Amino acid sequence: MTMWIAVLLACVACFALKFVGYLVPESWVSGGRTSRITTLLPVALLAGLLAVQTLVGSGGSLVIDARVGAIAVAIVLLLLRANFIIVVRAAAVVAGVLRALGVMA
């Protein structure tokens, strides 16, 4: 039962935080520096999440497996401006082939 209370409290806290964001005056967030930070912050957070989820295994050790090959293919295709669906499918195929061959299990 305490887990559900924690979940509900987290939901209320998230809603309150979002609601307070609407109450902040526009002049506080309309500067050029703030605009650059809010534009680049999601990119930095997603890059960090991608690195941690791809390279860090259980116990905090560095792991090189099929995900690294899939991410490499995805990066190359994104640099070539490929369609996002093609990028995702190609990365999945590369990860599957590498695992099937046992190259990067």
Protein backbone atom coordinates (compact mmCIF):
# COMPACT_ATOMS: atom_id res chain seq x y z
CA MET A 1 0.00 0.00 0.00
CA THR A 2 2.87 2.41 0.72
CA MET A 3 4.09 2.04 -2.87
CA TRP A 4 0.78 3.41 -4.16
CA ILE A 5 0.96 6.32 -1.76
CA ALA A 6 4.46 7.13 -3.06
CA VAL A 7 3.23 6.91 -6.66
CA LEU A 8 0.28 9.19 -5.94
CA LEU A 9 2.49 11.70 -4.12
CA ALA A 10 4.92 11.70 -7.06
CA CYS A 11 2.00 12.34 -9.44
CA VAL A 12 0.78 15.25 -7.31
CA ALA A 13 4.32 16.67 -7.11
CA CYS A 14 4.79 16.44 -10.90
CA PHE A 15 1.43 18.11 -11.52
CA ALA A 16 2.22 20.87 -9.02
CA LEU A 17 5.64 21.48 -10.61
CA LYS A 18 4.10 21.72 -14.07
CA PHE A 19 1.36 24.04 -12.78
CA VAL A 20 3.90 26.33 -11.12
CA GLY A 21 5.73 26.52 -14.45
CA TYR A 22 2.67 28.17 -15.99
CA LEU A 23 2.67 30.79 -13.24
CA VAL A 24 6.26 31.95 -13.90
CA PRO A 25 6.29 35.37 -15.60
CA GLU A 26 7.31 35.25 -19.27
CA SER A 27 10.01 37.85 -18.70
CA TRP A 28 11.91 35.35 -16.52
CA VAL A 29 12.24 32.81 -19.33
CA SER A 30 12.29 34.93 -22.48
CA GLY A 31 16.00 35.86 -22.56
CA GLY A 32 18.41 34.70 -25.25
CA ARG A 33 20.59 32.72 -22.85
CA THR A 34 17.58 30.96 -21.33
CA SER A 35 16.28 30.16 -24.79
CA ARG A 36 19.59 28.56 -25.82
CA ILE A 37 19.74 26.52 -22.62
CA THR A 38 16.17 25.26 -22.90
CA THR A 39 16.77 24.36 -26.54
CA LEU A 40 19.94 22.36 -25.89
CA LEU A 41 19.06 20.79 -22.54
CA PRO A 42 16.83 17.99 -23.93
CA VAL A 43 19.55 17.04 -26.42
CA ALA A 44 22.16 16.79 -23.67
CA LEU A 45 19.85 14.77 -21.41
CA LEU A 46 18.94 12.34 -24.20
CA ALA A 47 22.59 11.91 -25.19
CA GLY A 48 23.50 11.10 -21.59
CA LEU A 49 20.62 8.64 -21.30
CA LEU A 50 21.64 6.99 -24.57
CA ALA A 51 25.24 6.61 -23.41
CA VAL A 52 24.29 5.17 -20.04
CA GLN A 53 21.68 2.76 -21.43
CA THR A 54 24.01 1.59 -24.20
CA LEU A 55 27.35 1.27 -22.46
CA VAL A 56 26.74 0.66 -18.75
CA GLY A 57 25.81 -2.86 -17.73
CA SER A 58 24.71 -4.30 -14.43
CA GLY A 59 27.03 -3.40 -11.60
CA GLY A 60 28.19 -0.23 -13.35
CA SER A 61 30.70 -1.98 -15.60
CA LEU A 62 31.34 -0.95 -19.19
CA VAL A 63 29.63 -3.29 -21.68
CA ILE A 64 30.26 -3.48 -25.41
CA ASP A 65 27.48 -5.48 -27.05
CA ALA A 66 25.13 -5.37 -30.04
CA ARG A 67 23.61 -2.09 -28.87
CA VAL A 68 26.88 -0.29 -29.64
CA GLY A 69 26.82 -1.53 -33.23
CA ALA A 70 23.17 -0.54 -33.56
CA ILE A 71 23.88 2.96 -32.21
CA ALA A 72 26.82 3.35 -34.62
CA VAL A 73 24.60 2.46 -37.58
CA ALA A 74 21.90 4.82 -36.32
CA ILE A 75 24.37 7.69 -35.98
CA VAL A 76 25.68 7.17 -39.51
CA LEU A 77 22.17 7.03 -40.96
CA LEU A 78 21.11 10.13 -39.03
CA LEU A 79 24.16 12.00 -40.34
CA LEU A 80 23.10 10.95 -43.85
CA ARG A 81 19.62 12.41 -43.09
CA ALA A 82 17.80 9.09 -43.43
CA ASN A 83 14.16 8.77 -42.46
CA PHE A 84 13.73 8.06 -38.73
CA ILE A 85 11.78 4.84 -39.31
CA ILE A 86 14.59 3.58 -41.55
CA VAL A 87 17.13 4.47 -38.87
CA VAL A 88 15.23 2.55 -36.18
CA ARG A 89 14.68 -0.49 -38.39
CA ALA A 90 18.29 -0.59 -39.58
CA ALA A 91 19.57 -0.34 -36.01
CA ALA A 92 17.25 -3.17 -34.94
CA VAL A 93 18.39 -5.35 -37.83
CA VAL A 94 22.07 -4.69 -37.08
CA ALA A 95 21.58 -5.50 -33.39
CA GLY A 96 19.72 -8.69 -34.28
CA VAL A 97 22.34 -9.82 -36.79
CA LEU A 98 25.22 -9.11 -34.39
CA ARG A 99 23.49 -11.07 -31.64
CA ALA A 100 22.63 -13.93 -33.99
CA LEU A 101 26.24 -14.17 -35.18
CA GLY A 102 27.52 -13.93 -31.64
CA VAL A 103 29.88 -11.11 -32.62
CA MET A 104 28.60 -8.80 -29.92
CA ALA A 105 26.31 -10.79 -27.68
